N, C-alpha and C. Protein backbone atom coordinates (compact mmCIF):
# COMPACT_ATOMS: atom_id res chain seq x y z
N UNK A 1 -24.72 23.44 -14.37
CA UNK A 1 -24.66 22.55 -13.95
C UNK A 1 -24.52 21.16 -14.22
N UNK A 2 -23.66 20.16 -14.61
CA UNK A 2 -23.92 18.85 -15.16
C UNK A 2 -25.14 18.01 -14.51
N UNK A 3 -25.75 17.01 -15.31
CA UNK A 3 -26.40 16.27 -14.35
C UNK A 3 -26.57 15.18 -13.46
N UNK A 4 -25.01 14.96 -13.51
CA UNK A 4 -24.65 14.07 -12.37
C UNK A 4 -24.27 14.44 -11.54
N UNK A 5 -24.11 15.58 -10.91
CA UNK A 5 -23.80 16.21 -9.84
C UNK A 5 -24.03 15.48 -8.72
N UNK A 6 -25.33 14.88 -8.45
CA UNK A 6 -25.41 14.25 -7.24
C UNK A 6 -24.76 12.77 -7.11
N UNK A 7 -23.79 12.31 -7.86
CA UNK A 7 -23.07 11.23 -8.17
C UNK A 7 -21.59 11.53 -7.22
N UNK A 8 -21.50 12.98 -7.09
CA UNK A 8 -20.21 13.51 -6.47
C UNK A 8 -19.98 13.48 -5.47
N UNK A 9 -21.71 13.25 -4.42
CA UNK A 9 -21.56 13.43 -3.44
C UNK A 9 -22.00 11.98 -2.65
N UNK A 10 -21.82 11.48 -1.46
CA UNK A 10 -22.14 10.80 -0.89
C UNK A 10 -23.44 10.35 -0.76
N UNK A 11 -23.94 8.79 -0.90
CA UNK A 11 -25.13 8.63 -0.83
C UNK A 11 -25.66 8.29 0.94
N UNK A 12 -24.83 7.75 1.79
CA UNK A 12 -25.10 6.82 2.83
C UNK A 12 -23.79 6.79 3.71
N UNK A 13 -23.99 6.71 5.03
CA UNK A 13 -22.74 5.93 5.54
C UNK A 13 -23.45 4.50 6.49
N UNK A 14 -21.99 3.85 6.29
CA UNK A 14 -22.17 2.46 6.85
C UNK A 14 -21.30 2.15 8.08
N UNK A 15 -21.72 1.57 8.97
CA UNK A 15 -20.22 0.55 9.74
C UNK A 15 -19.30 -0.10 9.36
N UNK A 16 -18.06 0.10 9.95
CA UNK A 16 -16.72 -0.66 9.74
C UNK A 16 -17.06 -2.12 9.41
N UNK A 17 -18.09 -2.75 9.89
CA UNK A 17 -18.41 -4.10 10.11
C UNK A 17 -19.42 -4.39 8.75
N UNK A 18 -20.37 -3.25 8.14
CA UNK A 18 -21.20 -3.23 7.51
C UNK A 18 -20.37 -3.57 5.97
N UNK A 19 -19.28 -2.01 5.96
CA UNK A 19 -18.57 -1.81 4.97
C UNK A 19 -17.53 -3.21 4.68
N UNK A 20 -16.96 -3.81 5.73
CA UNK A 20 -16.24 -5.07 5.33
C UNK A 20 -16.82 -5.98 5.00
N UNK A 21 -18.09 -6.13 5.19
CA UNK A 21 -19.27 -7.04 4.60
C UNK A 21 -19.19 -7.09 3.33
N UNK A 22 -19.52 -5.77 2.78
CA UNK A 22 -20.60 -5.24 1.44
C UNK A 22 -18.49 -6.13 0.87
N UNK A 23 -17.91 -5.76 0.77
CA UNK A 23 -16.58 -5.66 0.18
C UNK A 23 -16.18 -7.10 -0.10
N UNK A 24 -16.31 -7.95 0.79
CA UNK A 24 -15.97 -9.17 1.20
C UNK A 24 -17.30 -10.05 0.04
N UNK A 25 -18.68 -9.82 -0.02
CA UNK A 25 -19.63 -9.83 -0.94
C UNK A 25 -18.79 -9.46 -2.20
N UNK A 26 -18.45 -8.29 -2.53
CA UNK A 26 -18.10 -7.96 -3.62
C UNK A 26 -17.06 -8.80 -4.28
N UNK A 27 -16.15 -9.24 -3.53
CA UNK A 27 -15.39 -9.88 -3.78
C UNK A 27 -15.28 -11.26 -4.34
N UNK A 28 -16.66 -12.02 -3.22
CA UNK A 28 -16.89 -13.60 -3.21
C UNK A 28 -17.77 -13.28 -4.58
N UNK A 29 -18.33 -12.19 -5.27
CA UNK A 29 -19.47 -12.48 -6.35
C UNK A 29 -18.42 -12.06 -7.94
N UNK A 30 -18.01 -11.41 -7.71
CA UNK A 30 -17.01 -11.28 -8.86
C UNK A 30 -15.19 -11.50 -8.91
N UNK A 31 -15.46 -12.48 -10.07
CA UNK A 31 -13.92 -13.14 -10.24
C UNK A 31 -13.03 -11.95 -10.19
N UNK A 32 -11.84 -12.24 -9.91
CA UNK A 32 -10.76 -11.47 -10.33
C UNK A 32 -10.63 -9.93 -9.36
N UNK A 33 -11.74 -9.61 -8.87
CA UNK A 33 -11.59 -8.30 -8.34
C UNK A 33 -11.24 -7.86 -6.78
N UNK A 34 -10.76 -9.56 -6.17
CA UNK A 34 -10.08 -9.19 -4.79
C UNK A 34 -8.33 -9.07 -5.57
N UNK A 35 -8.00 -9.64 -6.48
CA UNK A 35 -6.66 -9.79 -6.81
C UNK A 35 -6.43 -8.11 -7.75
N UNK A 36 -7.24 -7.79 -8.28
CA UNK A 36 -7.66 -6.06 -8.79
C UNK A 36 -7.04 -5.32 -7.87
N UNK A 37 -7.73 -5.33 -6.79
CA UNK A 37 -7.65 -4.20 -5.74
C UNK A 37 -6.46 -4.55 -5.00
N UNK A 38 -6.12 -5.37 -4.60
CA UNK A 38 -4.99 -5.92 -4.08
C UNK A 38 -3.59 -5.18 -4.96
N UNK A 39 -3.70 -5.54 -6.12
CA UNK A 39 -2.83 -4.87 -7.15
C UNK A 39 -2.77 -3.22 -7.18
N UNK A 40 -3.77 -2.83 -7.15
CA UNK A 40 -4.10 -1.48 -7.13
C UNK A 40 -3.98 -0.76 -6.15
N UNK A 41 -4.61 -1.49 -5.20
CA UNK A 41 -4.77 -0.60 -3.87
C UNK A 41 -3.83 -0.92 -2.38
N UNK A 42 -3.87 -0.33 -1.49
CA UNK A 42 -3.09 -0.72 -0.26
C UNK A 42 -4.77 -1.11 0.90
N UNK A 43 -4.18 -1.99 1.55
CA UNK A 43 -5.30 -2.18 2.57
C UNK A 43 -5.58 -0.85 3.73
N UNK A 44 -6.93 -1.04 4.06
CA UNK A 44 -7.02 0.06 4.90
C UNK A 44 -6.49 -0.13 6.46
N UNK A 45 -5.82 -1.21 6.77
CA UNK A 45 -5.00 -0.74 8.19
C UNK A 45 -6.06 -1.44 9.30
N UNK A 46 -5.47 -1.17 10.66
CA UNK A 46 -6.37 -1.39 11.58
C UNK A 46 -6.97 -0.13 11.49
N UNK A 47 -8.34 -0.33 11.36
CA UNK A 47 -9.60 0.52 11.74
C UNK A 47 -9.48 1.21 13.63
N UNK A 48 -9.36 2.20 13.53
CA UNK A 48 -9.80 2.25 15.06
C UNK A 48 -10.75 3.21 15.53
N UNK A 49 -11.56 3.36 16.67
CA UNK A 49 -12.73 3.86 16.57
C UNK A 49 -12.09 5.60 16.58
N UNK A 50 -13.26 6.20 16.45
CA UNK A 50 -13.05 8.10 16.53
C UNK A 50 -12.55 8.21 17.66
N UNK A 51 -11.57 9.14 17.77
CA UNK A 51 -11.19 9.99 18.80
C UNK A 51 -12.18 10.27 19.73
N UNK A 52 -13.13 10.54 19.46
CA UNK A 52 -14.41 10.92 20.75
C UNK A 52 -14.80 9.84 20.88
N UNK A 53 -14.97 8.70 20.53
CA UNK A 53 -15.58 7.83 21.01
C UNK A 53 -16.79 7.24 20.54
N UNK A 54 -16.82 7.50 19.00
CA UNK A 54 -18.08 7.02 18.50
C UNK A 54 -17.79 6.44 17.67
N UNK A 55 -18.66 5.41 17.32
CA UNK A 55 -18.15 4.30 15.97
C UNK A 55 -18.18 4.58 15.11
N UNK A 56 -17.06 4.18 14.38
CA UNK A 56 -16.50 4.53 12.90
C UNK A 56 -17.27 4.13 11.72
N UNK A 57 -17.97 5.12 10.75
CA UNK A 57 -18.63 4.86 9.83
C UNK A 57 -17.43 5.39 8.69
N UNK A 58 -18.49 4.68 7.29
CA UNK A 58 -17.74 4.82 6.30
C UNK A 58 -18.86 5.89 5.27
N UNK A 59 -18.56 6.44 4.29
CA UNK A 59 -19.36 7.26 3.19
C UNK A 59 -19.51 5.59 2.09
N UNK A 60 -20.71 5.88 1.52
CA UNK A 60 -20.92 5.08 0.37
C UNK A 60 -21.62 5.72 -0.64
N UNK A 61 -21.25 5.33 -2.04
CA UNK A 61 -22.05 6.24 -2.99
C UNK A 61 -22.50 5.28 -3.81
N UNK A 62 -23.24 6.36 -5.10
CA UNK A 62 -24.40 5.28 -5.82
C UNK A 62 -23.22 4.54 -6.87
N UNK A 63 -23.35 3.79 -7.61
CA UNK A 63 -22.24 3.61 -8.32
C UNK A 63 -22.65 4.10 -10.32
N UNK A 64 -21.78 4.75 -10.53
CA UNK A 64 -21.60 5.07 -11.88
C UNK A 64 -22.13 4.59 -13.12
N UNK A 65 -21.76 3.26 -12.96
CA UNK A 65 -22.07 2.33 -13.92
C UNK A 65 -23.19 1.73 -14.07
N UNK A 66 -23.51 1.20 -12.74
CA UNK A 66 -24.63 0.70 -13.11
C UNK A 66 -25.93 1.12 -12.29
N UNK A 67 -25.83 2.05 -11.09
CA UNK A 67 -26.58 3.01 -10.87
C UNK A 67 -27.84 2.13 -9.30
N UNK A 68 -27.66 0.59 -9.49
CA UNK A 68 -28.03 -0.28 -8.61
C UNK A 68 -27.23 -0.25 -7.55
N UNK A 69 -25.83 -0.42 -7.64
CA UNK A 69 -25.44 -0.90 -6.80
C UNK A 69 -24.44 0.40 -5.91
N UNK A 70 -23.74 0.24 -4.70
CA UNK A 70 -22.98 1.23 -3.71
C UNK A 70 -21.93 0.67 -3.97
N UNK A 71 -20.77 2.12 -4.22
CA UNK A 71 -19.85 1.78 -3.83
C UNK A 71 -18.85 1.72 -2.75
N UNK A 72 -18.11 0.92 -2.14
CA UNK A 72 -17.80 0.61 -0.35
C UNK A 72 -16.55 1.25 -0.80
N UNK A 73 -15.95 1.49 0.27
CA UNK A 73 -14.23 1.69 0.50
C UNK A 73 -13.71 0.24 0.69
N UNK A 74 -12.77 0.08 -0.06
CA UNK A 74 -11.68 -1.48 0.03
C UNK A 74 -10.49 -0.94 -0.06
N UNK A 75 -9.86 0.29 -0.15
CA UNK A 75 -8.64 0.50 0.38
C UNK A 75 -8.15 2.05 -0.01
N UNK A 76 -6.95 2.36 -0.11
CA UNK A 76 -6.29 3.34 -0.67
C UNK A 76 -5.25 3.27 -2.39
N UNK A 77 -5.90 3.73 -2.64
CA UNK A 77 -5.20 3.68 -4.29
C UNK A 77 -3.84 4.02 -4.03
N UNK A 78 -3.16 3.41 -5.05
CA UNK A 78 -1.92 3.39 -4.86
C UNK A 78 -0.86 4.32 -5.59
N UNK A 79 -1.97 4.54 -6.59
CA UNK A 79 -0.94 5.74 -7.73
C UNK A 79 -1.66 7.28 -6.92
N UNK A 80 -2.55 7.36 -6.52
CA UNK A 80 -3.16 8.94 -6.14
C UNK A 80 -3.62 9.04 -4.87
N UNK A 81 -3.96 10.19 -4.63
CA UNK A 81 -4.67 10.62 -3.21
C UNK A 81 -5.89 10.31 -3.27
N UNK A 82 -6.64 8.92 -3.11
CA UNK A 82 -8.33 8.52 -3.44
C UNK A 82 -8.58 7.50 -2.38
N UNK A 83 -9.66 7.21 -2.00
CA UNK A 83 -10.21 6.30 -1.49
C UNK A 83 -10.35 4.98 -2.96
N UNK A 84 -9.86 4.15 -2.48
CA UNK A 84 -10.36 2.89 -4.06
C UNK A 84 -11.83 2.42 -3.24
N UNK A 85 -12.74 2.46 -4.07
CA UNK A 85 -14.00 1.98 -3.95
C UNK A 85 -14.59 0.59 -4.85
N UNK A 86 -15.46 -0.36 -4.58
CA UNK A 86 -15.63 -0.83 -5.15
C UNK A 86 -17.57 -1.39 -5.31
N UNK A 87 -17.79 -1.39 -7.12
CA UNK A 87 -19.17 -1.43 -6.50
C UNK A 87 -19.78 -3.61 -6.24
N UNK A 88 -20.66 -3.33 -5.26
CA UNK A 88 -21.40 -4.20 -4.96
C UNK A 88 -21.96 -5.33 -5.69
N UNK A 89 -22.64 -4.39 -6.90
CA UNK A 89 -23.37 -4.85 -7.52
C UNK A 89 -22.88 -5.49 -8.92
N UNK A 90 -21.96 -4.17 -9.39
CA UNK A 90 -21.24 -4.97 -10.96
C UNK A 90 -20.10 -5.30 -10.99
N UNK A 91 -19.35 -4.83 -9.58
CA UNK A 91 -17.70 -5.13 -9.58
C UNK A 91 -16.53 -4.05 -9.92
N UNK A 92 -17.34 -3.03 -10.67
CA UNK A 92 -16.34 -2.15 -11.00
C UNK A 92 -16.00 -1.29 -9.90
N UNK A 93 -14.45 -0.83 -10.07
CA UNK A 93 -13.76 0.39 -8.90
C UNK A 93 -14.13 1.31 -9.43
N UNK A 94 -13.49 2.41 -8.67
CA UNK A 94 -13.80 3.60 -8.70
C UNK A 94 -12.90 4.18 -7.80
N UNK A 95 -11.88 5.46 -8.27
CA UNK A 95 -11.74 6.06 -7.05
C UNK A 95 -12.41 7.62 -6.45
N UNK A 96 -12.51 7.51 -5.64
CA UNK A 96 -13.43 8.85 -4.68
C UNK A 96 -12.30 9.76 -4.20
């Protein structure tokens, strides 16, 4: 088993409001990040509560590049079937 196997699994969960705030903060702190995400990903669109009435939550992961940041969902990848994530610390993007 590889030493980075734990980075393939989610770290925690966050609410839709927390996710949106973290992505907005990452955009504000990293030049050109918002334009890059717009070019490489499609927006999430309207986010509805879960069918069973529970609040919607999103997975977050540990950033592979800096290990200090967390990866938050910013959209859907245009070219692949994956979530497009951004790091709130270093501004790196990953597909999940």
